[in-house]
Amino acid sequence: MVFGVKWGQFQSALAENKLAVSNLDAMPNLDPQFREYLKARIYNNVREFYPSKPGYLLQKDWDRGPVRQDLLTGVAVAKDVMDPVWSWQAAIEARAQ
């Protein structure tokens, strides 16, 4: 049962990230705050829900540069608002802990 729940959470995070990357790559004129929000969601999903299999953790697939936190003042980007991650590197490092 636990495996099924974790797999479902990962599948949901993967779908969210694919949509976010698609929007980031296809629409360079997105609202700057929305762009940063999408990047933050990607990194937080990678940290929280991705398995440790190398195929899911390819930097080229998910890294869209560090998040400009100044554009997200007051915007929640993760369930744990006390511990968000703001870059690909931070997401990967937090997974290792």
C-alpha atoms as a PDB file:
ATOM      1  CA  MET A   1       0.000   0.000   0.000  1.00  0.00           C
ATOM      2  CA  VAL A   2       2.773   2.459   0.903  1.00  0.00           C
ATOM      3  CA  PHE A   3       4.537   1.784  -2.399  1.00  0.00           C
ATOM      4  CA  GLY A   4       1.339   2.518  -4.287  1.00  0.00           C
ATOM      5  CA  VAL A   5       0.823   5.827  -2.498  1.00  0.00           C
ATOM      6  CA  LYS A   6       4.426   6.903  -3.083  1.00  0.00           C
ATOM      7  CA  TRP A   7       4.227   5.872  -6.732  1.00  0.00           C
ATOM      8  CA  GLY A   8       1.017   7.890  -7.108  1.00  0.00           C
ATOM      9  CA  GLN A   9       2.631  10.956  -5.543  1.00  0.00           C
ATOM     10  CA  PHE A  10       5.591  10.607  -7.877  1.00  0.00           C
ATOM     11  CA  GLN A  11       3.337  10.225 -10.932  1.00  0.00           C
ATOM     12  CA  SER A  12       1.454  13.380  -9.930  1.00  0.00           C
ATOM     13  CA  ALA A  13       4.698  15.314  -9.396  1.00  0.00           C
ATOM     14  CA  LEU A  14       6.086  14.043 -12.703  1.00  0.00           C
ATOM     15  CA  ALA A  15       2.978  15.182 -14.585  1.00  0.00           C
ATOM     16  CA  GLU A  16       3.107  18.598 -12.887  1.00  0.00           C
ATOM     17  CA  ASN A  17       6.785  18.993 -13.758  1.00  0.00           C
ATOM     18  CA  LYS A  18       6.287  17.987 -17.383  1.00  0.00           C
ATOM     19  CA  LEU A  19       3.563  20.603 -17.729  1.00  0.00           C
ATOM     20  CA  ALA A  20       5.691  23.254 -16.006  1.00  0.00           C
ATOM     21  CA  VAL A  21       8.718  22.562 -18.229  1.00  0.00           C
ATOM     22  CA  SER A  22       6.534  22.597 -21.323  1.00  0.00           C
ATOM     23  CA  ASN A  23       5.180  26.027 -20.404  1.00  0.00           C
ATOM     24  CA  LEU A  24       8.593  27.395 -19.443  1.00  0.00           C
ATOM     25  CA  ASP A  25      10.205  26.223 -22.679  1.00  0.00           C
ATOM     26  CA  ALA A  26       7.393  27.115 -25.076  1.00  0.00           C
ATOM     27  CA  MET A  27       6.381  30.468 -23.627  1.00  0.00           C
ATOM     28  CA  PRO A  28       9.338  32.776 -22.961  1.00  0.00           C
ATOM     29  CA  ASN A  29       6.980  35.711 -22.303  1.00  0.00           C
ATOM     30  CA  LEU A  30       5.262  34.180 -19.278  1.00  0.00           C
ATOM     31  CA  ASP A  31       4.616  36.503 -16.367  1.00  0.00           C
ATOM     32  CA  PRO A  32       7.943  36.630 -14.445  1.00  0.00           C
ATOM     33  CA  GLN A  33       6.320  35.680 -11.141  1.00  0.00           C
ATOM     34  CA  PHE A  34       4.593  32.695 -12.751  1.00  0.00           C
ATOM     35  CA  ARG A  35       7.884  31.565 -14.371  1.00  0.00           C
ATOM     36  CA  GLU A  36       9.615  31.581 -10.988  1.00  0.00           C
ATOM     37  CA  TYR A  37       6.691  29.786  -9.366  1.00  0.00           C
ATOM     38  CA  LEU A  38       6.867  27.010 -11.968  1.00  0.00           C
ATOM     39  CA  LYS A  39      10.618  26.597 -11.441  1.00  0.00           C
ATOM     40  CA  ALA A  40      10.136  26.433  -7.669  1.00  0.00           C
ATOM     41  CA  ARG A  41       7.422  23.777  -8.045  1.00  0.00           C
ATOM     42  CA  ILE A  42       9.727  21.682 -10.248  1.00  0.00           C
ATOM     43  CA  TYR A  43      12.577  21.769  -7.729  1.00  0.00           C
ATOM     44  CA  ASN A  44      10.346  21.085  -4.737  1.00  0.00           C
ATOM     45  CA  ASN A  45       8.703  18.139  -6.516  1.00  0.00           C
ATOM     46  CA  VAL A  46      12.116  16.694  -7.390  1.00  0.00           C
ATOM     47  CA  ARG A  47      13.185  16.922  -3.770  1.00  0.00           C
ATOM     48  CA  GLU A  48      10.005  15.478  -2.295  1.00  0.00           C
ATOM     49  CA  PHE A  49       8.700  12.875  -4.694  1.00  0.00           C
ATOM     50  CA  TYR A  50      11.257  11.689  -7.220  1.00  0.00           C
ATOM     51  CA  PRO A  51      12.795   8.241  -6.885  1.00  0.00           C
ATOM     52  CA  SER A  52      16.566   7.934  -6.842  1.00  0.00           C
ATOM     53  CA  LYS A  53      16.687   6.354 -10.290  1.00  0.00           C
ATOM     54  CA  PRO A  54      19.089   8.242 -12.568  1.00  0.00           C
ATOM     55  CA  GLY A  55      16.640   8.354 -15.484  1.00  0.00           C
ATOM     56  CA  TYR A  56      14.262  10.569 -13.521  1.00  0.00           C
ATOM     57  CA  LEU A  57      16.933  12.915 -12.229  1.00  0.00           C
ATOM     58  CA  LEU A  58      18.549  14.221 -15.384  1.00  0.00           C
ATOM     59  CA  GLN A  59      19.506  17.845 -14.860  1.00  0.00           C
ATOM     60  CA  LYS A  60      18.823  18.706 -18.513  1.00  0.00           C
ATOM     61  CA  ASP A  61      15.183  17.707 -18.063  1.00  0.00           C
ATOM     62  CA  TRP A  62      14.360  19.828 -15.018  1.00  0.00           C
ATOM     63  CA  ASP A  63      16.948  22.560 -14.375  1.00  0.00           C
ATOM     64  CA  ARG A  64      15.654  25.935 -15.539  1.00  0.00           C
ATOM     65  CA  GLY A  65      18.010  28.086 -13.451  1.00  0.00           C
ATOM     66  CA  PRO A  66      17.750  29.330  -9.889  1.00  0.00           C
ATOM     67  CA  VAL A  67      14.489  30.824  -8.696  1.00  0.00           C
ATOM     68  CA  ARG A  68      14.393  34.592  -8.218  1.00  0.00           C
ATOM     69  CA  GLN A  69      12.943  34.580  -4.734  1.00  0.00           C
ATOM     70  CA  ASP A  70      12.312  38.326  -4.776  1.00  0.00           C
ATOM     71  CA  LEU A  71       9.542  37.723  -7.331  1.00  0.00           C
ATOM     72  CA  LEU A  72       7.812  35.214  -5.050  1.00  0.00           C
ATOM     73  CA  THR A  73       7.520  37.190  -1.834  1.00  0.00           C
ATOM     74  CA  GLY A  74       4.440  35.892  -0.033  1.00  0.00           C
ATOM     75  CA  VAL A  75       3.783  33.077  -2.541  1.00  0.00           C
ATOM     76  CA  ALA A  76       3.804  29.502  -1.201  1.00  0.00           C
ATOM     77  CA  VAL A  77       5.674  27.124  -3.503  1.00  0.00           C
ATOM     78  CA  ALA A  78       5.883  23.984  -1.347  1.00  0.00           C
ATOM     79  CA  LYS A  79       3.792  22.201   1.237  1.00  0.00           C
ATOM     80  CA  ASP A  80       6.545  22.745   3.783  1.00  0.00           C
ATOM     81  CA  VAL A  81       6.728  26.518   3.570  1.00  0.00           C
ATOM     82  CA  MET A  82       9.582  26.569   6.076  1.00  0.00           C
ATOM     83  CA  ASP A  83      11.918  24.551   3.857  1.00  0.00           C
ATOM     84  CA  PRO A  84      11.499  25.273   0.127  1.00  0.00           C
ATOM     85  CA  VAL A  85      14.331  24.706  -2.336  1.00  0.00           C
ATOM     86  CA  TRP A  86      15.225  27.366  -4.877  1.00  0.00           C
ATOM     87  CA  SER A  87      17.479  25.626  -7.397  1.00  0.00           C
ATOM     88  CA  TRP A  88      18.210  22.306  -9.062  1.00  0.00           C
ATOM     89  CA  GLN A  89      21.376  21.911  -6.990  1.00  0.00           C
ATOM     90  CA  ALA A  90      19.514  22.546  -3.730  1.00  0.00           C
ATOM     91  CA  ALA A  91      16.850  19.980  -4.680  1.00  0.00           C
ATOM     92  CA  ILE A  92      19.452  17.314  -5.398  1.00  0.00           C
ATOM     93  CA  GLU A  93      21.442  18.081  -2.243  1.00  0.00           C
ATOM     94  CA  ALA A  94      18.301  17.977  -0.080  1.00  0.00           C
ATOM     95  CA  ARG A  95      17.438  14.542  -1.512  1.00  0.00           C
ATOM     96  CA  ALA A  96      20.772  13.172  -0.306  1.00  0.00           C
ATOM     97  CA  GLN A  97      20.087  14.060   3.323  1.00  0.00           C
END
